[in-house]
C-alpha atoms as a PDB file:
ATOM      1  CA  MET A   1     -35.276 -30.030   2.041  1.00  0.00           C
ATOM      2  CA  TYR A   2     -32.061 -30.890   3.890  1.00  0.00           C
ATOM      3  CA  ILE A   3     -28.828 -31.523   1.960  1.00  0.00           C
ATOM      4  CA  GLU A   4     -25.854 -33.001   3.798  1.00  0.00           C
ATOM      5  CA  SER A   5     -23.268 -33.794   1.132  1.00  0.00           C
ATOM      6  CA  ALA A   6     -21.110 -31.227  -0.630  1.00  0.00           C
ATOM      7  CA  HIS A   7     -21.162 -33.633  -3.579  1.00  0.00           C
ATOM      8  CA  ASN A   8     -24.923 -33.468  -3.985  1.00  0.00           C
ATOM      9  CA  ASP A   9     -25.917 -32.688  -7.598  1.00  0.00           C
ATOM     10  CA  ARG A  10     -27.763 -29.501  -6.616  1.00  0.00           C
ATOM     11  CA  VAL A  11     -24.851 -28.303  -4.513  1.00  0.00           C
ATOM     12  CA  ARG A  12     -22.382 -28.975  -7.310  1.00  0.00           C
ATOM     13  CA  ALA A  13     -24.572 -27.077  -9.783  1.00  0.00           C
ATOM     14  CA  TRP A  14     -24.895 -24.093  -7.434  1.00  0.00           C
ATOM     15  CA  ALA A  15     -21.144 -24.120  -6.817  1.00  0.00           C
ATOM     16  CA  ARG A  16     -20.569 -23.716 -10.569  1.00  0.00           C
ATOM     17  CA  LEU A  17     -22.263 -20.315 -10.343  1.00  0.00           C
ATOM     18  CA  LYS A  18     -19.019 -18.913  -8.957  1.00  0.00           C
ATOM     19  CA  THR A  19     -17.665 -19.088 -12.526  1.00  0.00           C
ATOM     20  CA  ARG A  20     -18.794 -17.071 -15.532  1.00  0.00           C
ATOM     21  CA  ARG A  21     -19.150 -20.230 -17.592  1.00  0.00           C
ATOM     22  CA  GLY A  22     -21.394 -21.796 -14.970  1.00  0.00           C
ATOM     23  CA  ARG A  23     -23.614 -18.714 -14.770  1.00  0.00           C
ATOM     24  CA  GLU A  24     -23.953 -18.470 -18.532  1.00  0.00           C
ATOM     25  CA  ARG A  25     -24.701 -22.161 -18.872  1.00  0.00           C
ATOM     26  CA  LEU A  26     -27.325 -22.298 -16.114  1.00  0.00           C
ATOM     27  CA  GLY A  27     -28.676 -18.760 -16.367  1.00  0.00           C
ATOM     28  CA  LEU A  28     -28.385 -18.327 -12.606  1.00  0.00           C
ATOM     29  CA  PHE A  29     -26.299 -16.354 -10.109  1.00  0.00           C
ATOM     30  CA  LEU A  30     -25.512 -16.282  -6.383  1.00  0.00           C
ATOM     31  CA  VAL A  31     -26.648 -13.746  -3.802  1.00  0.00           C
ATOM     32  CA  GLU A  32     -24.918 -13.966  -0.397  1.00  0.00           C
ATOM     33  CA  GLY A  33     -25.913 -12.472   2.949  1.00  0.00           C
ATOM     34  CA  GLU A  34     -29.169 -11.474   4.611  1.00  0.00           C
ATOM     35  CA  ARG A  35     -29.139  -7.884   3.377  1.00  0.00           C
ATOM     36  CA  LEU A  36     -28.677  -8.784  -0.279  1.00  0.00           C
ATOM     37  CA  VAL A  37     -31.144 -11.665  -0.034  1.00  0.00           C
ATOM     38  CA  ALA A  38     -33.723  -9.214   1.341  1.00  0.00           C
ATOM     39  CA  GLU A  39     -33.035  -6.860  -1.579  1.00  0.00           C
ATOM     40  CA  LEU A  40     -33.440  -9.737  -4.006  1.00  0.00           C
ATOM     41  CA  LEU A  41     -36.720 -10.910  -2.505  1.00  0.00           C
ATOM     42  CA  ASN A  42     -38.122  -7.395  -2.786  1.00  0.00           C
ATOM     43  CA  SER A  43     -37.067  -7.068  -6.430  1.00  0.00           C
ATOM     44  CA  PRO A  44     -38.731  -8.353  -9.609  1.00  0.00           C
ATOM     45  CA  LEU A  45     -36.000 -10.981 -10.116  1.00  0.00           C
ATOM     46  CA  ARG A  46     -36.957 -14.641  -9.895  1.00  0.00           C
ATOM     47  CA  LEU A  47     -35.758 -16.658  -6.920  1.00  0.00           C
ATOM     48  CA  GLU A  48     -34.654 -20.190  -7.707  1.00  0.00           C
ATOM     49  CA  ALA A  49     -33.478 -21.354  -4.282  1.00  0.00           C
ATOM     50  CA  LEU A  50     -33.036 -20.048  -0.751  1.00  0.00           C
ATOM     51  CA  LEU A  51     -30.161 -21.714   1.118  1.00  0.00           C
ATOM     52  CA  TRP A  52     -29.585 -21.751   4.878  1.00  0.00           C
ATOM     53  CA  ASN A  53     -26.518 -23.034   6.694  1.00  0.00           C
ATOM     54  CA  VAL A  54     -28.018 -25.075   9.550  1.00  0.00           C
ATOM     55  CA  ALA A  55     -24.972 -24.372  11.719  1.00  0.00           C
ATOM     56  CA  SER A  56     -25.719 -20.631  11.700  1.00  0.00           C
ATOM     57  CA  ASP A  57     -28.470 -18.638  13.412  1.00  0.00           C
ATOM     58  CA  GLU A  58     -31.941 -19.153  12.034  1.00  0.00           C
ATOM     59  CA  PRO A  59     -32.737 -16.586   9.331  1.00  0.00           C
ATOM     60  CA  PRO A  60     -35.424 -13.955   9.959  1.00  0.00           C
ATOM     61  CA  ASP A  61     -38.936 -15.255   9.248  1.00  0.00           C
ATOM     62  CA  ALA A  62     -39.516 -12.332   6.885  1.00  0.00           C
ATOM     63  CA  LEU A  63     -36.850 -13.810   4.614  1.00  0.00           C
ATOM     64  CA  TRP A  64     -37.112 -17.536   5.219  1.00  0.00           C
ATOM     65  CA  ARG A  65     -40.921 -17.520   5.003  1.00  0.00           C
ATOM     66  CA  HIS A  66     -41.110 -15.067   2.137  1.00  0.00           C
ATOM     67  CA  PRO A  67     -43.759 -16.144  -0.436  1.00  0.00           C
ATOM     68  CA  LYS A  68     -41.128 -16.255  -3.179  1.00  0.00           C
ATOM     69  CA  ALA A  69     -39.318 -18.980  -1.228  1.00  0.00           C
ATOM     70  CA  ASP A  70     -42.268 -21.383  -1.075  1.00  0.00           C
ATOM     71  CA  GLY A  71     -41.071 -24.742  -2.328  1.00  0.00           C
ATOM     72  CA  ARG A  72     -37.548 -23.363  -2.809  1.00  0.00           C
ATOM     73  CA  ARG A  73     -36.085 -23.585   0.712  1.00  0.00           C
ATOM     74  CA  TYR A  74     -32.996 -25.741   1.274  1.00  0.00           C
ATOM     75  CA  GLU A  75     -31.239 -26.433   4.548  1.00  0.00           C
ATOM     76  CA  LEU A  76     -27.559 -27.196   3.968  1.00  0.00           C
ATOM     77  CA  SER A  77     -24.874 -28.710   6.132  1.00  0.00           C
ATOM     78  CA  PRO A  78     -21.898 -26.413   6.822  1.00  0.00           C
ATOM     79  CA  GLN A  79     -19.813 -28.393   4.325  1.00  0.00           C
ATOM     80  CA  ALA A  80     -22.425 -28.153   1.583  1.00  0.00           C
ATOM     81  CA  PHE A  81     -23.011 -24.445   2.247  1.00  0.00           C
ATOM     82  CA  ALA A  82     -19.280 -23.702   2.140  1.00  0.00           C
ATOM     83  CA  ALA A  83     -18.985 -25.500  -1.192  1.00  0.00           C
ATOM     84  CA  VAL A  84     -21.510 -23.106  -2.723  1.00  0.00           C
ATOM     85  CA  ALA A  85     -20.440 -19.841  -1.055  1.00  0.00           C
ATOM     86  CA  ASP A  86     -17.997 -17.509  -2.771  1.00  0.00           C
ATOM     87  CA  THR A  87     -16.835 -15.742   0.400  1.00  0.00           C
ATOM     88  CA  GLU A  88     -14.291 -17.261   2.791  1.00  0.00           C
ATOM     89  CA  THR A  89     -16.476 -16.613   5.858  1.00  0.00           C
ATOM     90  CA  PRO A  90     -19.995 -16.739   4.449  1.00  0.00           C
ATOM     91  CA  GLN A  91     -23.064 -15.548   6.273  1.00  0.00           C
ATOM     92  CA  GLY A  92     -25.691 -18.171   6.964  1.00  0.00           C
ATOM     93  CA  LEU A  93     -28.124 -17.254   4.200  1.00  0.00           C
ATOM     94  CA  MET A  94     -27.701 -17.355   0.449  1.00  0.00           C
ATOM     95  CA  ALA A  95     -29.953 -17.304  -2.596  1.00  0.00           C
ATOM     96  CA  VAL A  96     -29.820 -18.512  -6.163  1.00  0.00           C
ATOM     97  CA  ALA A  97     -31.585 -16.239  -8.642  1.00  0.00           C
ATOM     98  CA  ALA A  98     -32.314 -16.256 -12.359  1.00  0.00           C
ATOM     99  CA  ILE A  99     -30.325 -13.911 -14.575  1.00  0.00           C
ATOM    100  CA  PRO A 100     -32.910 -11.716 -16.316  1.00  0.00           C
ATOM    101  CA  ARG A 101     -32.984 -11.709 -20.084  1.00  0.00           C
ATOM    102  CA  ALA A 102     -32.226  -8.122 -20.949  1.00  0.00           C
ATOM    103  CA  GLU A 103     -32.105  -6.244 -24.229  1.00  0.00           C
ATOM    104  CA  PRO A 104     -30.904  -2.648 -24.574  1.00  0.00           C
ATOM    105  CA  ARG A 105     -33.535   0.007 -23.929  1.00  0.00           C
ATOM    106  CA  TYR A 106     -31.280   2.967 -24.754  1.00  0.00           C
ATOM    107  CA  GLY A 107     -32.757   5.103 -21.998  1.00  0.00           C
ATOM    108  CA  PRO A 108     -32.156   8.854 -21.674  1.00  0.00           C
ATOM    109  CA  ARG A 109     -29.510   8.560 -18.932  1.00  0.00           C
ATOM    110  CA  VAL A 110     -27.183   5.568 -19.164  1.00  0.00           C
ATOM    111  CA  LEU A 111     -23.827   4.413 -17.862  1.00  0.00           C
ATOM    112  CA  VAL A 112     -21.342   2.610 -20.108  1.00  0.00           C
ATOM    113  CA  LEU A 113     -18.507   0.591 -18.589  1.00  0.00           C
ATOM    114  CA  ASP A 114     -15.720   0.295 -21.137  1.00  0.00           C
ATOM    115  CA  ALA A 115     -13.526  -2.644 -20.031  1.00  0.00           C
ATOM    116  CA  ILE A 116     -13.844  -2.089 -16.267  1.00  0.00           C
ATOM    117  CA  GLN A 117     -12.107  -5.263 -15.157  1.00  0.00           C
ATOM    118  CA  ASP A 118     -12.206  -5.099 -11.359  1.00  0.00           C
ATOM    119  CA  PRO A 119     -15.467  -6.575  -9.996  1.00  0.00           C
ATOM    120  CA  GLY A 120     -15.372  -4.251  -6.989  1.00  0.00           C
ATOM    121  CA  ASN A 121     -15.160  -1.191  -9.235  1.00  0.00           C
ATOM    122  CA  ALA A 122     -17.937  -2.477 -11.483  1.00  0.00           C
ATOM    123  CA  GLY A 123     -20.235  -3.212  -8.559  1.00  0.00           C
ATOM    124  CA  THR A 124     -19.567   0.147  -6.920  1.00  0.00           C
ATOM    125  CA  LEU A 125     -20.382   1.918 -10.176  1.00  0.00           C
ATOM    126  CA  VAL A 126     -23.665   0.000 -10.401  1.00  0.00           C
ATOM    127  CA  ARG A 127     -24.493   1.156  -6.878  1.00  0.00           C
ATOM    128  CA  SER A 128     -23.655   4.762  -7.751  1.00  0.00           C
ATOM    129  CA  ALA A 129     -25.553   4.686 -11.034  1.00  0.00           C
ATOM    130  CA  GLU A 130     -28.707   3.467  -9.306  1.00  0.00           C
ATOM    131  CA  ALA A 131     -28.320   6.093  -6.584  1.00  0.00           C
ATOM    132  CA  PHE A 132     -28.036   8.934  -9.083  1.00  0.00           C
ATOM    133  CA  GLY A 133     -30.818   7.964 -11.467  1.00  0.00           C
ATOM    134  CA  PHE A 134     -29.024   6.089 -14.249  1.00  0.00           C
ATOM    135  CA  GLY A 135     -31.405   3.230 -14.969  1.00  0.00           C
ATOM    136  CA  GLU A 136     -29.458   1.354 -17.656  1.00  0.00           C
ATOM    137  CA  ILE A 137     -25.870   0.133 -17.486  1.00  0.00           C
ATOM    138  CA  LEU A 138     -23.947  -1.409 -20.347  1.00  0.00           C
ATOM    139  CA  PHE A 139     -21.156  -3.782 -19.378  1.00  0.00           C
ATOM    140  CA  GLY A 140     -18.919  -3.411 -22.408  1.00  0.00           C
ATOM    141  CA  THR A 141     -16.501  -5.965 -23.808  1.00  0.00           C
ATOM    142  CA  GLY A 142     -13.748  -6.707 -21.306  1.00  0.00           C
ATOM    143  CA  THR A 143     -15.827  -5.572 -18.336  1.00  0.00           C
ATOM    144  CA  ALA A 144     -16.439  -7.820 -15.331  1.00  0.00           C
ATOM    145  CA  ASP A 145     -19.517 -10.035 -15.496  1.00  0.00           C
ATOM    146  CA  PRO A 146     -22.456  -8.111 -13.968  1.00  0.00           C
ATOM    147  CA  TYR A 147     -23.574 -11.242 -12.117  1.00  0.00           C
ATOM    148  CA  ALA A 148     -20.187 -12.281 -10.719  1.00  0.00           C
ATOM    149  CA  PRO A 149     -20.456 -12.676  -6.922  1.00  0.00           C
ATOM    150  CA  LYS A 150     -18.079  -9.797  -6.166  1.00  0.00           C
ATOM    151  CA  VAL A 151     -19.975  -7.453  -8.495  1.00  0.00           C
ATOM    152  CA  VAL A 152     -23.275  -8.438  -6.892  1.00  0.00           C
ATOM    153  CA  ARG A 153     -21.899  -7.810  -3.399  1.00  0.00           C
ATOM    154  CA  ALA A 154     -20.284  -4.478  -4.288  1.00  0.00           C
ATOM    155  CA  SER A 155     -23.505  -3.230  -5.883  1.00  0.00           C
ATOM    156  CA  MET A 156     -25.256  -3.588  -2.503  1.00  0.00           C
ATOM    157  CA  GLY A 157     -28.555  -4.466  -4.153  1.00  0.00           C
ATOM    158  CA  GLY A 158     -28.308  -1.774  -6.821  1.00  0.00           C
ATOM    159  CA  LEU A 159     -27.950  -4.453  -9.491  1.00  0.00           C
ATOM    160  CA  PHE A 160     -31.498  -5.625  -8.753  1.00  0.00           C
ATOM    161  CA  ARG A 161     -32.925  -2.162  -9.451  1.00  0.00           C
ATOM    162  CA  VAL A 162     -31.212  -1.264 -12.737  1.00  0.00           C
ATOM    163  CA  HIS A 163     -31.342  -2.606 -16.280  1.00  0.00           C
ATOM    164  CA  ALA A 164     -27.940  -4.285 -16.715  1.00  0.00           C
ATOM    165  CA  ILE A 165     -26.885  -5.542 -20.137  1.00  0.00           C
ATOM    166  CA  ALA A 166     -23.687  -6.788 -21.748  1.00  0.00           C
ATOM    167  CA  GLY A 167     -22.493  -5.863 -25.214  1.00  0.00           C
ATOM    168  CA  ASP A 168     -20.080  -3.891 -27.359  1.00  0.00           C
ATOM    169  CA  ALA A 169     -19.671  -0.337 -26.058  1.00  0.00           C
ATOM    170  CA  GLU A 170     -19.021   1.224 -29.472  1.00  0.00           C
ATOM    171  CA  ALA A 171     -22.086  -0.373 -31.094  1.00  0.00           C
ATOM    172  CA  TYR A 172     -24.266   0.491 -28.102  1.00  0.00           C
ATOM    173  CA  LEU A 173     -23.225   4.148 -28.118  1.00  0.00           C
ATOM    174  CA  ARG A 174     -23.820   4.485 -31.862  1.00  0.00           C
ATOM    175  CA  ALA A 175     -27.334   3.118 -31.397  1.00  0.00           C
ATOM    176  CA  TRP A 176     -27.898   5.340 -28.342  1.00  0.00           C
ATOM    177  CA  ARG A 177     -26.809   8.416 -30.281  1.00  0.00           C
ATOM    178  CA  ASP A 178     -29.237   7.565 -33.112  1.00  0.00           C
ATOM    179  CA  ARG A 179     -32.085   7.479 -30.591  1.00  0.00           C
ATOM    180  CA  HIS A 180     -30.948  10.585 -28.736  1.00  0.00           C
ATOM    181  CA  PRO A 181     -29.627  13.013 -31.366  1.00  0.00           C
ATOM    182  CA  ASP A 182     -29.671  15.848 -28.822  1.00  0.00           C
ATOM    183  CA  GLY A 183     -27.989  13.731 -26.158  1.00  0.00           C
ATOM    184  CA  VAL A 184     -24.356  13.991 -25.072  1.00  0.00           C
ATOM    185  CA  ILE A 185     -21.804  11.199 -24.703  1.00  0.00           C
ATOM    186  CA  VAL A 186     -19.381  12.161 -21.929  1.00  0.00           C
ATOM    187  CA  ALA A 187     -16.198  10.181 -21.334  1.00  0.00           C
ATOM    188  CA  THR A 188     -13.628  10.504 -18.580  1.00  0.00           C
ATOM    189  CA  ALA A 189     -10.024  11.195 -19.562  1.00  0.00           C
ATOM    190  CA  ALA A 190      -7.174  12.181 -17.270  1.00  0.00           C
ATOM    191  CA  ASP A 191      -5.680  14.388 -20.016  1.00  0.00           C
ATOM    192  CA  ALA A 192      -8.930  16.208 -20.826  1.00  0.00           C
ATOM    193  CA  SER A 193      -8.906  19.989 -20.617  1.00  0.00           C
ATOM    194  CA  GLU A 194     -12.611  20.360 -19.838  1.00  0.00           C
ATOM    195  CA  ARG A 195     -13.770  20.040 -16.228  1.00  0.00           C
ATOM    196  CA  CYS A 196     -16.593  17.630 -15.484  1.00  0.00           C
ATOM    197  CA  ASP A 197     -18.715  20.428 -14.000  1.00  0.00           C
ATOM    198  CA  GLU A 198     -18.497  22.330 -17.294  1.00  0.00           C
ATOM    199  CA  ALA A 199     -19.922  19.559 -19.465  1.00  0.00           C
ATOM    200  CA  PRO A 200     -23.693  19.670 -20.097  1.00  0.00           C
ATOM    201  CA  MET A 201     -25.132  16.605 -18.369  1.00  0.00           C
ATOM    202  CA  ALA A 202     -28.537  17.801 -17.183  1.00  0.00           C
ATOM    203  CA  GLY A 203     -30.443  16.163 -20.030  1.00  0.00           C
ATOM    204  CA  GLU A 204     -29.989  13.021 -22.115  1.00  0.00           C
ATOM    205  CA  VAL A 205     -26.506  11.725 -21.380  1.00  0.00           C
ATOM    206  CA  ALA A 206     -24.386   8.601 -21.725  1.00  0.00           C
ATOM    207  CA  VAL A 207     -21.555   8.573 -19.184  1.00  0.00           C
ATOM    208  CA  VAL A 208     -18.574   6.401 -20.152  1.00  0.00           C
ATOM    209  CA  ILE A 209     -16.040   5.119 -17.622  1.00  0.00           C
ATOM    210  CA  GLY A 210     -12.936   3.478 -19.064  1.00  0.00           C
ATOM    211  CA  ASN A 211     -10.505   0.758 -18.115  1.00  0.00           C
ATOM    212  CA  GLU A 212      -8.612   1.167 -14.849  1.00  0.00           C
ATOM    213  CA  ALA A 213      -5.194   1.273 -16.546  1.00  0.00           C
ATOM    214  CA  ARG A 214      -5.832   2.405 -20.133  1.00  0.00           C
ATOM    215  CA  GLY A 215      -8.895   4.589 -19.745  1.00  0.00           C
ATOM    216  CA  VAL A 216     -11.589   4.849 -22.398  1.00  0.00           C
ATOM    217  CA  SER A 217     -10.723   3.036 -25.633  1.00  0.00           C
ATOM    218  CA  ASP A 218      -9.864   5.114 -28.697  1.00  0.00           C
ATOM    219  CA  ALA A 219     -12.908   3.890 -30.636  1.00  0.00           C
ATOM    220  CA  VAL A 220     -15.278   4.849 -27.843  1.00  0.00           C
ATOM    221  CA  ARG A 221     -13.506   8.136 -27.168  1.00  0.00           C
ATOM    222  CA  GLN A 222     -14.051   9.165 -30.789  1.00  0.00           C
ATOM    223  CA  LEU A 223     -17.804   8.850 -30.236  1.00  0.00           C
ATOM    224  CA  ALA A 224     -17.805  11.106 -27.185  1.00  0.00           C
ATOM    225  CA  GLN A 225     -18.785  14.733 -27.714  1.00  0.00           C
ATOM    226  CA  ARG A 226     -17.130  15.648 -24.435  1.00  0.00           C
ATOM    227  CA  CYS A 227     -14.047  14.272 -22.676  1.00  0.00           C
ATOM    228  CA  VAL A 228     -13.798  15.560 -19.147  1.00  0.00           C
ATOM    229  CA  ALA A 229     -11.443  15.467 -16.184  1.00  0.00           C
ATOM    230  CA  ILE A 230     -12.181  15.838 -12.491  1.00  0.00           C
ATOM    231  CA  PRO A 231     -10.539  18.927 -10.977  1.00  0.00           C
ATOM    232  CA  MET A 232      -8.402  18.118  -7.938  1.00  0.00           C
ATOM    233  CA  ALA A 233      -6.530  20.266  -5.436  1.00  0.00           C
ATOM    234  CA  GLY A 234      -4.056  17.622  -4.294  1.00  0.00           C
ATOM    235  CA  LYS A 235      -1.105  15.988  -6.010  1.00  0.00           C
ATOM    236  CA  ALA A 236      -2.784  12.690  -6.883  1.00  0.00           C
ATOM    237  CA  GLU A 237      -2.432  11.889 -10.576  1.00  0.00           C
ATOM    238  CA  SER A 238      -5.869  10.341 -10.802  1.00  0.00           C
ATOM    239  CA  LEU A 239      -8.708   8.633  -8.949  1.00  0.00           C
ATOM    240  CA  ASN A 240      -9.649   5.011  -9.371  1.00  0.00           C
ATOM    241  CA  ALA A 241     -12.441   4.146 -11.779  1.00  0.00           C
ATOM    242  CA  ALA A 242     -15.139   3.707  -9.156  1.00  0.00           C
ATOM    243  CA  MET A 243     -14.367   7.024  -7.443  1.00  0.00           C
ATOM    244  CA  ALA A 244     -14.089   8.963 -10.701  1.00  0.00           C
ATOM    245  CA  GLY A 245     -17.266   7.417 -12.071  1.00  0.00           C
ATOM    246  CA  THR A 246     -19.211   8.158  -8.906  1.00  0.00           C
ATOM    247  CA  ILE A 247     -18.168  11.816  -9.004  1.00  0.00           C
ATOM    248  CA  LEU A 248     -19.195  12.108 -12.651  1.00  0.00           C
ATOM    249  CA  LEU A 249     -22.554  10.415 -12.015  1.00  0.00           C
ATOM    250  CA  TYR A 250     -23.225  12.727  -9.090  1.00  0.00           C
ATOM    251  CA  GLU A 251     -22.332  15.757 -11.195  1.00  0.00           C
ATOM    252  CA  ALA A 252     -24.846  14.635 -13.824  1.00  0.00           C
ATOM    253  CA  TYR A 253     -27.450  14.160 -11.097  1.00  0.00           C
ATOM    254  CA  ARG A 254     -26.680  17.581  -9.595  1.00  0.00           C
ATOM    255  CA  GLN A 255     -27.116  19.312 -12.939  1.00  0.00           C
ATOM    256  CA  ALA A 256     -30.395  17.527 -13.634  1.00  0.00           C
ATOM    257  CA  SER A 257     -31.688  18.344 -10.155  1.00  0.00           C
ATOM    258  CA  ASN A 258     -30.810  22.026 -10.515  1.00  0.00           C
ATOM    259  CA  ARG A 259     -32.553  22.212 -13.874  1.00  0.00           C
ATOM    260  CA  ALA A 260     -35.687  20.675 -12.370  1.00  0.00           C
ATOM    261  CA  ILE A 261     -35.960  23.389  -9.701  1.00  0.00           C
END
């Protein structure tokens, strides 16, 4: 189907997905660019629409003719495509996908984002969590929306391969601890005396990364059995949330890998 007008009802509905309210109301989110569209098509998530800017190069047949796209292909004018896209210079392919209905699973190795506000940080942490074997991620109160366009882009497809949920970090961690009495809740804290490589993270673990400016909230910190800092040789006071979280997730992965040998 070809759509010319940027004021078309479908186009206007898709454009609303750039806002949290629009995503929550419609239960949909945007995926921009060939690489992320390919990741989406190869994931269990449901495709609602595949959009191509007719002024751009034709998309690869493997994407455009993908079975998931049958009956869901839309050719858009440049004006209509630009109205939907979140990026200033969008690529020529975009998808609309359904937000999965997700309930907590309280898996053995989870990541908790405690008021991570920057979408780039949140998305990078999703990417790192998926890379290092953390299958469930809680987006706590005050954290960026997991399906915001910038989070989706920064996750580089990782969001499609993890179990992402939103909720209250304190309540989630209490429930996780009940299910994993031998597990360890590890939070980052710049003033912590324990090094991250000294904390036991080879087994059941919930890693908590706090707000970029304030760190982990007091209520959540009280639930953590271990508060750790990242040892550094330089004079930098701290690392940003995404960098610190990635190091901590890798350390947990390293310990688990060594134990498995």
